[in-house]
Each structure stands twice: as structure tokens, then as C-alpha cells.
Amino acid sequence: MPKPTGSTPLRRSPRLHLQIPVSISGTFPDGSSFNEEAYLLDISKFGAKLRTQLPLGLGMQIKILSKKSTESALFRVVWTGDAETPRAGEVGIEYVAVSNFLGINFPG
């Protein structure tokens, strides 16, 4: 459930805490491409938290392919966990265009 901060909820949608294997791909700012097996840790109607070894940066777009189907979706990196903290390797991502590529229906 969203935690209130004043009168504005912190989250736009409830989150499900899961570990979903995915493949991620994209292009770094220097033009080199990447492809990695990774995990979604939390998912919501608008995005997810990703565990990766890649040095993804804010604003980068990545394609995520579900390992359970042939569905994919495009996401944008909106936060990255700081190095040397428990959040290192975690990346917050949001849909470029809201989709239901994992087949989970969220309320609202």
C-alpha cells in the first residue's frame, strides 16, 4: 500500500514483490550494445525494480524480454542504486508506453 507523504501517495500503483527472470538489451551512450540475463524484483502497473550487473544510467532505454513468453516491452531507467550500498545493482525502470507484457493485472 502506498505510504503517504503529506497528502500525496509515494507510489502510483501497488507493487508485487517477485523474482522474474528476464533478458535485457539496449545500447550504451557510447554506441556499444548489451544483452544480459537479469531479474525483475518488484513490479507495478507503471514499472519495476531490476537487478543487473550492467552500469545502466538515468534516462537510458532498455528492452526487457520475459523468459516465460515472447513478449517484450521498452523501459526507461529512472533511478539507480548507489555503489557500495545494499541497493547497488538495483535499477528503477518505468514503461515508455504502459503495457501488460507480464500478464499481471493491476487495479485502477
N, C-alpha and C. Protein backbone atom coordinates (compact mmCIF):
# COMPACT_ATOMS: atom_id res chain seq x y z
N MET A 1 0.83 -1.18 0.00
CA MET A 1 0.00 0.00 0.00
C MET A 1 0.88 1.24 0.00
N PRO A 2 0.55 2.25 -0.73
CA PRO A 2 1.36 3.47 -0.75
C PRO A 2 1.44 4.11 0.62
N LYS A 3 2.61 4.61 0.94
CA LYS A 3 2.80 5.35 2.18
C LYS A 3 2.58 6.82 1.89
N PRO A 4 1.75 7.49 2.69
CA PRO A 4 1.51 8.90 2.43
C PRO A 4 2.70 9.76 2.82
N THR A 5 2.96 10.77 2.04
CA THR A 5 3.94 11.81 2.37
C THR A 5 3.16 13.11 2.27
N GLY A 6 2.66 13.57 3.40
CA GLY A 6 1.72 14.68 3.35
C GLY A 6 0.41 14.14 2.84
N SER A 7 -0.13 14.72 1.78
CA SER A 7 -1.37 14.21 1.20
C SER A 7 -1.15 13.50 -0.13
N THR A 8 0.12 13.39 -0.57
CA THR A 8 0.42 12.77 -1.85
C THR A 8 1.01 11.37 -1.63
N PRO A 9 0.42 10.32 -2.23
CA PRO A 9 0.99 8.98 -2.07
C PRO A 9 2.38 8.90 -2.71
N LEU A 10 3.26 8.10 -2.10
CA LEU A 10 4.60 7.92 -2.60
C LEU A 10 4.61 7.09 -3.90
N ARG A 11 3.71 6.13 -4.01
CA ARG A 11 3.65 5.24 -5.17
C ARG A 11 2.38 5.48 -5.97
N ARG A 12 2.48 5.33 -7.29
CA ARG A 12 1.31 5.48 -8.16
C ARG A 12 0.49 4.21 -8.24
N SER A 13 1.09 3.07 -7.86
CA SER A 13 0.44 1.79 -8.01
C SER A 13 1.01 0.82 -6.98
N PRO A 14 0.20 -0.15 -6.53
CA PRO A 14 0.76 -1.18 -5.64
C PRO A 14 1.88 -1.95 -6.34
N ARG A 15 2.76 -2.52 -5.55
CA ARG A 15 3.86 -3.32 -6.10
C ARG A 15 3.73 -4.76 -5.67
N LEU A 16 4.15 -5.65 -6.56
CA LEU A 16 4.25 -7.06 -6.24
C LEU A 16 5.73 -7.39 -6.11
N HIS A 17 6.08 -8.05 -5.02
CA HIS A 17 7.48 -8.44 -4.79
C HIS A 17 7.65 -9.86 -5.33
N LEU A 18 8.30 -9.97 -6.47
CA LEU A 18 8.52 -11.23 -7.17
C LEU A 18 9.96 -11.27 -7.65
N GLN A 19 10.38 -12.41 -8.12
CA GLN A 19 11.67 -12.51 -8.80
C GLN A 19 11.40 -13.17 -10.14
N ILE A 20 11.40 -12.35 -11.19
CA ILE A 20 11.04 -12.82 -12.53
C ILE A 20 12.27 -12.76 -13.42
N PRO A 21 12.70 -13.90 -13.98
CA PRO A 21 13.86 -13.88 -14.89
C PRO A 21 13.50 -13.22 -16.21
N VAL A 22 14.38 -12.34 -16.68
CA VAL A 22 14.17 -11.62 -17.93
C VAL A 22 15.51 -11.49 -18.66
N SER A 23 15.44 -11.13 -19.92
CA SER A 23 16.61 -10.73 -20.69
C SER A 23 16.47 -9.24 -20.93
N ILE A 24 17.57 -8.51 -20.75
CA ILE A 24 17.55 -7.08 -21.04
C ILE A 24 18.55 -6.78 -22.14
N SER A 25 18.20 -5.80 -22.96
CA SER A 25 19.10 -5.41 -24.04
C SER A 25 18.95 -3.93 -24.30
N GLY A 26 19.95 -3.37 -24.95
CA GLY A 26 19.92 -1.96 -25.29
C GLY A 26 21.27 -1.49 -25.79
N THR A 27 21.45 -0.19 -25.78
CA THR A 27 22.68 0.41 -26.27
C THR A 27 23.17 1.43 -25.26
N PHE A 28 24.46 1.36 -24.92
CA PHE A 28 25.07 2.35 -24.04
C PHE A 28 25.26 3.66 -24.80
N PRO A 29 25.45 4.78 -24.07
CA PRO A 29 25.64 6.06 -24.74
C PRO A 29 26.81 6.09 -25.74
N ASP A 30 27.82 5.21 -25.53
CA ASP A 30 28.96 5.18 -26.47
C ASP A 30 28.66 4.39 -27.74
N GLY A 31 27.43 3.84 -27.85
CA GLY A 31 27.03 3.11 -29.04
C GLY A 31 27.19 1.60 -28.94
N SER A 32 27.86 1.10 -27.90
CA SER A 32 28.02 -0.34 -27.77
C SER A 32 26.72 -0.95 -27.23
N SER A 33 26.41 -2.13 -27.72
CA SER A 33 25.16 -2.78 -27.30
C SER A 33 25.42 -3.75 -26.16
N PHE A 34 24.36 -4.10 -25.46
CA PHE A 34 24.46 -5.05 -24.36
C PHE A 34 23.25 -5.97 -24.38
N ASN A 35 23.44 -7.12 -23.75
CA ASN A 35 22.40 -8.11 -23.56
C ASN A 35 22.76 -8.88 -22.31
N GLU A 36 21.82 -9.02 -21.37
CA GLU A 36 22.13 -9.68 -20.11
C GLU A 36 20.89 -10.41 -19.59
N GLU A 37 21.13 -11.52 -18.91
CA GLU A 37 20.08 -12.20 -18.17
C GLU A 37 20.00 -11.50 -16.82
N ALA A 38 18.79 -11.12 -16.40
CA ALA A 38 18.63 -10.35 -15.16
C ALA A 38 17.32 -10.77 -14.49
N TYR A 39 16.95 -10.05 -13.43
CA TYR A 39 15.72 -10.33 -12.70
C TYR A 39 14.96 -9.06 -12.40
N LEU A 40 13.64 -9.11 -12.57
CA LEU A 40 12.77 -8.08 -12.04
C LEU A 40 12.48 -8.47 -10.60
N LEU A 41 12.61 -7.54 -9.66
CA LEU A 41 12.42 -7.83 -8.24
C LEU A 41 11.05 -7.37 -7.74
N ASP A 42 10.60 -6.23 -8.19
CA ASP A 42 9.30 -5.68 -7.85
C ASP A 42 8.67 -5.24 -9.16
N ILE A 43 7.36 -5.39 -9.26
CA ILE A 43 6.70 -4.86 -10.45
C ILE A 43 5.46 -4.08 -10.03
N SER A 44 5.11 -3.11 -10.83
CA SER A 44 3.89 -2.33 -10.62
C SER A 44 3.26 -2.07 -11.98
N LYS A 45 2.16 -1.39 -11.98
CA LYS A 45 1.47 -1.05 -13.23
C LYS A 45 2.34 -0.17 -14.12
N PHE A 46 3.23 0.63 -13.51
CA PHE A 46 3.99 1.62 -14.25
C PHE A 46 5.47 1.29 -14.45
N GLY A 47 5.97 0.26 -13.77
CA GLY A 47 7.39 -0.05 -13.90
C GLY A 47 7.82 -1.20 -13.03
N ALA A 48 9.11 -1.20 -12.71
CA ALA A 48 9.67 -2.31 -11.96
C ALA A 48 11.01 -1.93 -11.35
N LYS A 49 11.49 -2.82 -10.49
CA LYS A 49 12.86 -2.72 -9.98
C LYS A 49 13.61 -3.91 -10.56
N LEU A 50 14.75 -3.63 -11.13
CA LEU A 50 15.55 -4.61 -11.86
C LEU A 50 16.86 -4.85 -11.12
N ARG A 51 17.32 -6.09 -11.07
CA ARG A 51 18.65 -6.43 -10.56
C ARG A 51 19.52 -6.75 -11.76
N THR A 52 20.62 -6.00 -11.92
CA THR A 52 21.51 -6.17 -13.06
C THR A 52 22.96 -5.92 -12.67
N GLN A 53 23.87 -6.45 -13.44
CA GLN A 53 25.30 -6.19 -13.26
C GLN A 53 25.77 -5.06 -14.18
N LEU A 54 24.90 -4.62 -15.07
CA LEU A 54 25.27 -3.59 -16.05
C LEU A 54 25.26 -2.19 -15.44
N PRO A 55 26.15 -1.31 -15.88
CA PRO A 55 26.16 0.07 -15.39
C PRO A 55 25.16 0.94 -16.16
N LEU A 56 23.88 0.72 -15.92
CA LEU A 56 22.85 1.47 -16.61
C LEU A 56 22.75 2.88 -16.03
N GLY A 57 22.49 3.86 -16.88
CA GLY A 57 22.41 5.25 -16.44
C GLY A 57 21.02 5.81 -16.56
N LEU A 58 20.76 6.86 -15.82
CA LEU A 58 19.46 7.53 -15.86
C LEU A 58 19.10 7.94 -17.28
N GLY A 59 17.86 7.69 -17.65
CA GLY A 59 17.36 8.07 -18.96
C GLY A 59 17.59 7.04 -20.06
N MET A 60 18.45 6.05 -19.80
CA MET A 60 18.69 5.01 -20.83
C MET A 60 17.40 4.24 -21.07
N GLN A 61 17.18 3.83 -22.31
CA GLN A 61 16.06 2.97 -22.64
C GLN A 61 16.57 1.55 -22.81
N ILE A 62 15.80 0.60 -22.24
CA ILE A 62 16.17 -0.81 -22.34
C ILE A 62 14.95 -1.61 -22.76
N LYS A 63 15.21 -2.69 -23.47
CA LYS A 63 14.16 -3.61 -23.86
C LYS A 63 14.23 -4.80 -22.92
N ILE A 64 13.08 -5.20 -22.38
CA ILE A 64 13.02 -6.34 -21.49
C ILE A 64 12.15 -7.41 -22.13
N LEU A 65 12.71 -8.62 -22.19
CA LEU A 65 12.02 -9.77 -22.76
C LEU A 65 11.72 -10.75 -21.63
N SER A 66 10.46 -11.12 -21.47
CA SER A 66 10.07 -12.10 -20.47
C SER A 66 10.61 -13.47 -20.86
N LYS A 67 11.17 -14.20 -19.88
CA LYS A 67 11.68 -15.55 -20.15
C LYS A 67 10.53 -16.56 -20.24
N LYS A 68 9.33 -16.16 -19.79
CA LYS A 68 8.19 -17.07 -19.79
C LYS A 68 7.34 -16.96 -21.04
N SER A 69 7.62 -15.96 -21.88
CA SER A 69 6.86 -15.79 -23.12
C SER A 69 7.76 -15.08 -24.12
N THR A 70 7.20 -14.74 -25.25
CA THR A 70 7.97 -14.00 -26.25
C THR A 70 7.64 -12.51 -26.20
N GLU A 71 6.93 -12.09 -25.16
CA GLU A 71 6.55 -10.69 -25.01
C GLU A 71 7.73 -9.84 -24.54
N SER A 72 7.76 -8.61 -25.00
CA SER A 72 8.79 -7.67 -24.55
C SER A 72 8.18 -6.29 -24.39
N ALA A 73 8.92 -5.42 -23.70
CA ALA A 73 8.46 -4.05 -23.51
C ALA A 73 9.67 -3.14 -23.39
N LEU A 74 9.47 -1.88 -23.70
CA LEU A 74 10.52 -0.87 -23.63
C LEU A 74 10.37 -0.08 -22.33
N PHE A 75 11.49 0.10 -21.62
CA PHE A 75 11.52 0.80 -20.34
C PHE A 75 12.57 1.90 -20.36
N ARG A 76 12.43 2.83 -19.42
CA ARG A 76 13.40 3.92 -19.22
C ARG A 76 13.93 3.82 -17.80
N VAL A 77 15.25 3.99 -17.62
CA VAL A 77 15.86 3.96 -16.29
C VAL A 77 15.53 5.28 -15.58
N VAL A 78 14.95 5.18 -14.37
CA VAL A 78 14.56 6.37 -13.63
C VAL A 78 15.34 6.54 -12.32
N TRP A 79 16.00 5.50 -11.83
CA TRP A 79 16.91 5.62 -10.69
C TRP A 79 17.86 4.44 -10.67
N THR A 80 19.00 4.62 -10.06
CA THR A 80 19.98 3.54 -9.92
C THR A 80 20.44 3.50 -8.48
N GLY A 81 20.66 2.31 -7.96
CA GLY A 81 21.18 2.15 -6.61
C GLY A 81 22.62 2.61 -6.53
N ASP A 82 22.94 3.27 -5.44
CA ASP A 82 24.31 3.77 -5.25
C ASP A 82 25.28 2.63 -5.01
N ALA A 83 26.48 2.73 -5.59
CA ALA A 83 27.53 1.74 -5.35
C ALA A 83 27.86 1.72 -3.87
N GLU A 84 28.32 0.59 -3.42
CA GLU A 84 28.73 0.41 -2.01
C GLU A 84 27.56 0.52 -1.03
N THR A 85 26.32 0.33 -1.51
CA THR A 85 25.15 0.30 -0.64
C THR A 85 24.38 -0.98 -0.92
N PRO A 86 23.44 -1.34 -0.06
CA PRO A 86 22.62 -2.53 -0.34
C PRO A 86 21.84 -2.45 -1.65
N ARG A 87 21.65 -1.25 -2.18
CA ARG A 87 20.91 -1.06 -3.44
C ARG A 87 21.79 -1.12 -4.68
N ALA A 88 23.08 -1.32 -4.52
CA ALA A 88 23.98 -1.44 -5.67
C ALA A 88 23.47 -2.56 -6.57
N GLY A 89 23.40 -2.31 -7.86
CA GLY A 89 22.91 -3.31 -8.82
C GLY A 89 21.41 -3.28 -9.02
N GLU A 90 20.71 -2.46 -8.25
CA GLU A 90 19.27 -2.31 -8.45
C GLU A 90 19.00 -1.08 -9.30
N VAL A 91 18.03 -1.20 -10.18
CA VAL A 91 17.70 -0.12 -11.11
C VAL A 91 16.19 0.02 -11.16
N GLY A 92 15.70 1.23 -10.99
CA GLY A 92 14.28 1.50 -11.15
C GLY A 92 13.98 1.83 -12.59
N ILE A 93 12.96 1.18 -13.14
CA ILE A 93 12.61 1.39 -14.54
C ILE A 93 11.12 1.67 -14.65
N GLU A 94 10.74 2.48 -15.66
CA GLU A 94 9.33 2.72 -15.92
C GLU A 94 9.06 2.44 -17.39
N TYR A 95 7.83 2.01 -17.65
CA TYR A 95 7.42 1.76 -19.04
C TYR A 95 7.56 3.03 -19.86
N VAL A 96 8.03 2.91 -21.09
CA VAL A 96 7.98 4.01 -22.04
C VAL A 96 6.53 4.19 -22.48
N ALA A 97 5.83 3.09 -22.73
CA ALA A 97 4.39 3.07 -23.01
C ALA A 97 3.81 1.96 -22.15
N VAL A 98 2.93 2.29 -21.22
CA VAL A 98 2.40 1.31 -20.27
C VAL A 98 1.87 0.10 -21.03
N SER A 99 2.26 -1.06 -20.54
CA SER A 99 1.97 -2.33 -21.19
C SER A 99 1.66 -3.37 -20.12
N ASN A 100 1.20 -4.50 -20.53
CA ASN A 100 0.96 -5.61 -19.61
C ASN A 100 1.70 -6.84 -20.12
N PHE A 101 2.98 -6.66 -20.46
CA PHE A 101 3.70 -7.75 -21.10
C PHE A 101 3.95 -8.94 -20.18
N LEU A 102 3.81 -8.78 -18.86
CA LEU A 102 3.97 -9.89 -17.94
C LEU A 102 2.65 -10.59 -17.65
N GLY A 103 1.55 -10.01 -18.11
CA GLY A 103 0.24 -10.65 -17.93
C GLY A 103 -0.33 -10.50 -16.54
N ILE A 104 0.12 -9.50 -15.77
CA ILE A 104 -0.40 -9.27 -14.42
C ILE A 104 -1.31 -8.04 -14.47
N ASN A 105 -2.52 -8.21 -14.00
CA ASN A 105 -3.48 -7.10 -13.99
C ASN A 105 -3.44 -6.38 -12.65
N PHE A 106 -3.18 -5.08 -12.72
CA PHE A 106 -3.17 -4.24 -11.53
C PHE A 106 -4.46 -3.45 -11.47
N PRO A 107 -4.97 -3.19 -10.26
CA PRO A 107 -6.20 -2.40 -10.16
C PRO A 107 -5.98 -0.96 -10.60
N GLY A 108 -7.04 -0.32 -11.02
CA GLY A 108 -7.02 1.10 -11.36
C GLY A 108 -6.37 1.34 -12.64
